[in-house]
Protein backbone atom coordinates (compact mmCIF):
# COMPACT_ATOMS: atom_id res chain seq x y z
CA MET A 1 11.24 21.12 27.95
CA GLU A 2 8.55 21.67 25.06
CA ALA A 3 10.08 25.24 24.31
CA MET A 4 13.36 23.66 23.78
CA LEU A 5 11.87 20.89 21.58
CA ARG A 6 10.03 23.74 19.62
CA SER A 7 13.14 25.41 19.44
CA LEU A 8 15.32 22.32 18.10
CA LEU A 9 12.52 21.39 15.46
CA PHE A 10 12.43 25.22 14.18
CA LEU A 11 16.35 25.01 13.89
CA SER A 12 16.17 21.41 11.87
CA ALA A 13 13.59 22.93 9.72
CA ILE A 14 15.88 26.13 8.95
CA PHE A 15 18.78 23.70 8.54
CA PHE A 16 16.91 21.31 6.39
CA PHE A 17 15.68 24.43 4.18
CA PHE A 18 18.88 26.03 3.87
CA PHE A 19 20.91 22.60 2.72
CA VAL A 20 17.93 21.66 0.30
CA SER A 21 18.23 25.40 -1.18
CA VAL A 22 21.92 24.89 -1.37
CA GLU A 23 21.78 21.88 -3.31
CA VAL A 24 19.00 23.18 -5.60
CA SER A 25 21.07 26.23 -6.77
CA ALA A 26 24.43 24.56 -6.70
CA THR A 27 25.78 22.72 -9.91
CA THR A 28 26.44 19.24 -9.43
CA MET A 29 27.94 16.68 -11.54
CA THR A 30 27.13 12.92 -10.47
CA LEU A 31 29.30 10.15 -11.72
CA TYR A 32 27.82 6.56 -12.05
CA ASN A 33 29.18 3.69 -12.78
CA LYS A 34 26.95 1.35 -14.66
CA CYS A 35 29.60 -1.00 -15.96
CA ARG A 36 30.30 -4.41 -14.41
CA HIS A 37 33.64 -3.85 -13.53
CA PRO A 38 35.32 -0.85 -11.12
CA VAL A 39 35.92 2.35 -12.96
CA TRP A 40 38.65 4.81 -11.55
CA PRO A 41 37.43 8.05 -12.85
CA GLY A 42 39.97 10.88 -13.74
CA ILE A 43 38.98 14.65 -13.26
CA GLN A 44 41.19 17.48 -15.13
CA PRO A 45 40.21 20.82 -14.92
CA GLY A 46 40.56 23.45 -17.35
CA ALA A 47 43.63 26.08 -17.15
CA GLY A 48 43.27 28.23 -13.75
CA LYS A 49 40.43 25.84 -12.32
CA PRO A 50 40.52 23.94 -8.91
CA VAL A 51 41.13 20.25 -9.07
CA LEU A 52 37.96 18.25 -7.63
CA ALA A 53 38.04 15.23 -5.56
CA ARG A 54 42.06 14.98 -5.81
CA GLY A 55 41.47 14.31 -9.76
CA GLY A 56 40.86 10.69 -9.44
CA PHE A 57 39.19 7.85 -7.26
CA LYS A 58 37.64 4.23 -7.46
CA LEU A 59 34.12 3.68 -8.19
CA PRO A 60 32.66 0.46 -7.83
CA PRO A 61 30.13 -1.11 -9.92
CA ASN A 62 26.60 0.41 -9.44
CA LYS A 63 28.09 3.35 -7.11
CA ALA A 64 27.79 6.87 -7.66
CA TYR A 65 29.50 10.17 -6.58
CA THR A 66 28.55 13.52 -6.37
CA LEU A 67 30.54 16.45 -7.03
CA ARG A 68 29.81 20.22 -6.24
CA LEU A 69 30.87 22.30 -9.59
CA PRO A 70 32.39 25.78 -8.54
CA ALA A 71 30.92 28.88 -10.55
CA GLY A 72 32.57 28.91 -14.05
CA TRP A 73 34.20 25.57 -13.79
CA SER A 74 35.40 23.65 -16.74
CA GLY A 75 37.17 20.28 -17.24
CA ARG A 76 36.96 16.95 -18.37
CA VAL A 77 36.40 13.61 -17.00
CA TRP A 78 37.16 10.14 -18.15
CA GLY A 79 36.87 6.66 -16.87
CA ARG A 80 40.10 4.56 -16.27
CA HIS A 81 39.71 0.66 -16.28
CA GLY A 82 41.78 -2.20 -15.11
CA CYS A 83 43.80 -0.51 -12.38
CA SER A 84 45.98 -1.68 -9.48
CA PHE A 85 47.28 0.85 -7.15
CA ASP A 86 49.16 0.00 -3.88
CA ALA A 87 48.47 1.73 -0.37
CA ALA A 88 50.52 4.90 -1.40
CA GLY A 89 48.26 5.18 -4.62
CA ARG A 90 51.21 4.30 -6.76
CA GLY A 91 50.16 1.81 -9.74
CA LYS A 92 48.81 1.81 -13.32
CA CYS A 93 45.60 1.39 -15.35
CA ALA A 94 45.31 -0.78 -18.43
CA THR A 95 43.54 2.40 -20.19
CA GLY A 96 43.17 6.24 -19.50
CA ASP A 97 46.29 6.19 -16.92
CA CYS A 98 47.24 9.51 -15.55
CA GLY A 99 50.97 9.30 -14.62
CA GLY A 100 50.69 6.12 -12.53
CA ALA A 101 48.82 7.56 -9.82
CA LEU A 102 45.41 7.04 -8.03
CA PHE A 103 44.69 10.71 -7.84
CA CYS A 104 45.46 12.57 -11.31
CA ASN A 105 45.94 16.11 -9.31
CA GLY A 106 44.97 17.85 -12.52
CA ILE A 107 47.03 15.55 -15.16
CA GLY A 108 45.10 14.36 -18.03
CA GLY A 109 44.75 10.80 -19.12
CA THR A 110 46.86 8.85 -21.53
CA PRO A 111 44.87 8.21 -24.71
CA PRO A 112 43.20 6.45 -25.87
CA ALA A 113 40.36 7.60 -23.51
CA THR A 114 36.68 8.59 -23.86
CA LEU A 115 35.91 11.97 -22.68
CA ALA A 116 33.36 13.98 -20.91
CA GLU A 117 33.79 17.74 -21.26
CA ILE A 118 32.00 20.26 -19.47
CA THR A 119 32.17 24.36 -19.40
CA LEU A 120 29.93 26.30 -16.95
CA GLY A 121 28.90 29.76 -18.29
CA ASN A 122 26.84 32.43 -16.62
CA ASP A 123 23.96 32.00 -19.16
CA GLN A 124 24.79 28.68 -20.84
CA ASP A 125 26.93 25.78 -20.12
CA PHE A 126 28.55 23.71 -22.81
CA TYR A 127 29.24 20.17 -22.81
CA ASP A 128 30.14 17.20 -25.00
CA VAL A 129 31.25 13.46 -25.04
CA SER A 130 34.71 13.41 -27.37
CA LEU A 131 36.24 10.74 -29.25
CA VAL A 132 38.95 12.81 -30.70
CA ASP A 133 41.68 11.33 -27.96
CA GLY A 134 40.47 7.75 -28.89
CA TYR A 135 37.77 5.77 -27.01
CA ASN A 136 37.98 3.01 -23.91
CA LEU A 137 34.45 3.19 -22.24
CA ALA A 138 31.09 4.58 -22.99
CA ILE A 139 30.30 7.65 -21.64
CA SER A 140 26.95 9.69 -21.54
CA ILE A 141 26.10 13.07 -20.09
CA THR A 142 22.54 13.51 -18.96
CA PRO A 143 21.28 17.14 -17.76
CA PHE A 144 18.72 17.82 -15.19
CA ARG A 145 17.33 20.65 -13.52
CA GLY A 146 18.23 22.89 -16.37
CA THR A 147 16.19 25.15 -18.88
CA GLY A 148 16.88 25.20 -22.48
CA LYS A 149 17.27 22.33 -24.87
CA CYS A 150 19.72 20.17 -22.44
CA SER A 151 20.04 17.51 -24.80
CA TYR A 152 21.75 14.23 -24.10
CA ALA A 153 25.64 13.79 -25.14
CA GLY A 154 27.38 10.62 -25.21
CA CYS A 155 28.85 7.36 -26.67
CA VAL A 156 26.76 4.62 -25.75
CA SER A 157 28.04 1.85 -28.07
CA ASP A 158 30.78 -0.54 -27.22
CA LEU A 159 33.30 0.87 -29.94
CA ASN A 160 35.96 -1.97 -28.97
CA THR A 161 33.94 -4.24 -30.67
CA ILE A 162 34.00 -2.52 -33.97
CA CYS A 163 37.65 -1.10 -33.58
CA PRO A 164 39.58 -1.26 -36.85
CA VAL A 165 42.81 -3.29 -36.78
CA GLY A 166 45.08 -0.25 -37.01
CA LEU A 167 43.45 1.41 -34.31
CA GLN A 168 42.93 -1.45 -31.70
CA VAL A 169 44.89 -1.24 -27.99
CA ARG A 170 44.76 -5.10 -27.10
CA SER A 171 45.02 -6.62 -23.18
CA HIS A 172 48.38 -7.77 -22.24
CA ASP A 173 47.01 -11.17 -23.38
CA ASN A 174 45.93 -10.04 -26.64
CA ARG A 175 42.64 -11.91 -26.06
CA SER A 176 40.68 -8.62 -26.38
CA VAL A 177 40.60 -5.09 -27.50
CA VAL A 178 40.80 -2.82 -24.33
CA ALA A 179 40.50 0.66 -26.21
CA CYS A 180 40.45 2.02 -29.72
CA LYS A 181 42.89 5.07 -30.51
CA SER A 182 41.92 7.79 -32.68
CA ALA A 183 43.45 7.88 -36.28
CA CYS A 184 45.58 10.78 -35.25
CA SER A 185 46.98 9.01 -32.52
CA ALA A 186 47.50 5.85 -34.36
CA PHE A 187 49.11 7.48 -37.57
CA ASN A 188 50.12 11.10 -36.30
CA SER A 189 49.26 12.65 -39.77
CA PRO A 190 47.98 16.23 -40.55
CA ARG A 191 44.91 15.08 -42.36
CA TYR A 192 44.04 12.76 -39.20
CA CYS A 193 45.09 15.35 -36.69
CA CYS A 194 43.42 18.66 -38.35
CA THR A 195 46.82 20.40 -38.09
CA GLY A 196 49.23 21.94 -40.72
CA SER A 197 47.46 22.45 -44.04
CA PHE A 198 44.35 20.68 -42.36
CA GLY A 199 43.86 23.11 -39.61
CA SER A 200 40.88 24.54 -40.17
CA PRO A 201 37.23 23.25 -40.42
CA ASN A 202 37.14 23.94 -43.96
CA SER A 203 40.19 21.69 -44.98
CA CYS A 204 39.81 19.04 -42.15
CA LYS A 205 37.08 16.93 -42.93
CA PRO A 206 35.60 13.44 -41.75
CA THR A 207 37.58 10.43 -42.52
CA ALA A 208 36.63 6.99 -43.21
CA TYR A 209 37.87 6.27 -39.32
CA SER A 210 36.07 9.26 -37.84
CA ARG A 211 33.06 7.97 -39.76
CA ILE A 212 33.13 4.67 -37.98
CA PHE A 213 32.90 6.57 -34.66
CA LYS A 214 30.23 8.95 -35.86
CA THR A 215 28.10 6.34 -36.89
CA ALA A 216 28.36 4.18 -33.94
CA CYS A 217 28.09 7.47 -31.56
CA PRO A 218 26.38 10.18 -33.53
CA LYS A 219 26.01 12.14 -30.17
CA ALA A 220 29.71 12.59 -29.73
CA TYR A 221 32.73 14.05 -31.25
CA SER A 222 34.25 12.04 -33.96
CA TYR A 223 36.98 14.18 -34.55
CA ALA A 224 38.43 18.19 -34.02
CA TYR A 225 36.24 19.96 -36.03
CA ASP A 226 32.95 17.70 -35.39
CA ASP A 227 31.31 20.86 -33.63
CA PRO A 228 27.52 21.08 -35.10
CA THR A 229 26.23 17.81 -34.06
CA SER A 230 28.35 17.03 -30.85
CA ILE A 231 28.34 19.90 -28.70
CA ALA A 232 25.35 20.30 -26.42
CA THR A 233 23.98 23.50 -24.20
CA CYS A 234 21.84 24.00 -20.93
CA THR A 235 21.43 26.73 -18.86
CA ARG A 236 21.99 26.41 -14.92
CA GLY A 237 21.68 22.62 -15.23
CA SER A 238 23.26 20.13 -13.05
CA TYR A 239 24.71 16.78 -14.95
CA LEU A 240 24.86 12.95 -14.63
CA VAL A 241 28.01 11.21 -16.32
CA THR A 242 27.37 7.49 -16.75
CA PHE A 243 29.99 5.19 -17.57
CA CYS A 244 28.68 2.11 -19.46
CA PRO A 245 25.22 3.49 -19.90
CA HIS A 246 24.08 0.54 -21.93
CA HIS A 247 24.46 -1.71 -19.30
């Protein structure tokens, strides 16, 4: 009996060591909802990368969900809000909707939506929070367990409260601003979209609209060529993506 007990304890220790080692060495992305309302995260992989967690799920307030990221994975995460789905997963969201489905399955979100973007590399990971497709919820990315600069990225300000009238997306009852369009989406002009003759960093410069975003959220992409102050790097880190980090 004692020998069996010792054997079980030994096996338990081995399994514990194995799982802790895997957990420490694996890259994870934890999605944490600090909002006062539910958020339905959407997850879209980069080309050729696997879909994680069927591309979307419901995350109640003050709950977290951890995903293990495959080596070399890249993709984007955004928060959908004001969603309603039936038992079959069909429905819609007030912001960030992905084809009227609970499980986005690789489909991107309908702008405007704040994006958390990440690309895992062998030597360095790249990550950022982007307002290029507009804003709906505050998002931050905080790395941990990595080496290098591993700086924080995000937009913690509520841009819906300062969104210019021409960019506002209002609720169905018209009582509140639920999202803020990018100037590109609102006006579809090469100057704001960095296309055509404005399709290079030298010709596409900040605009009055992108400066509003940048002033409120200096650690986020405010327009397509806002690279120097917006992209962050870390080596072999794991990442905490927080919705409504200011709450």
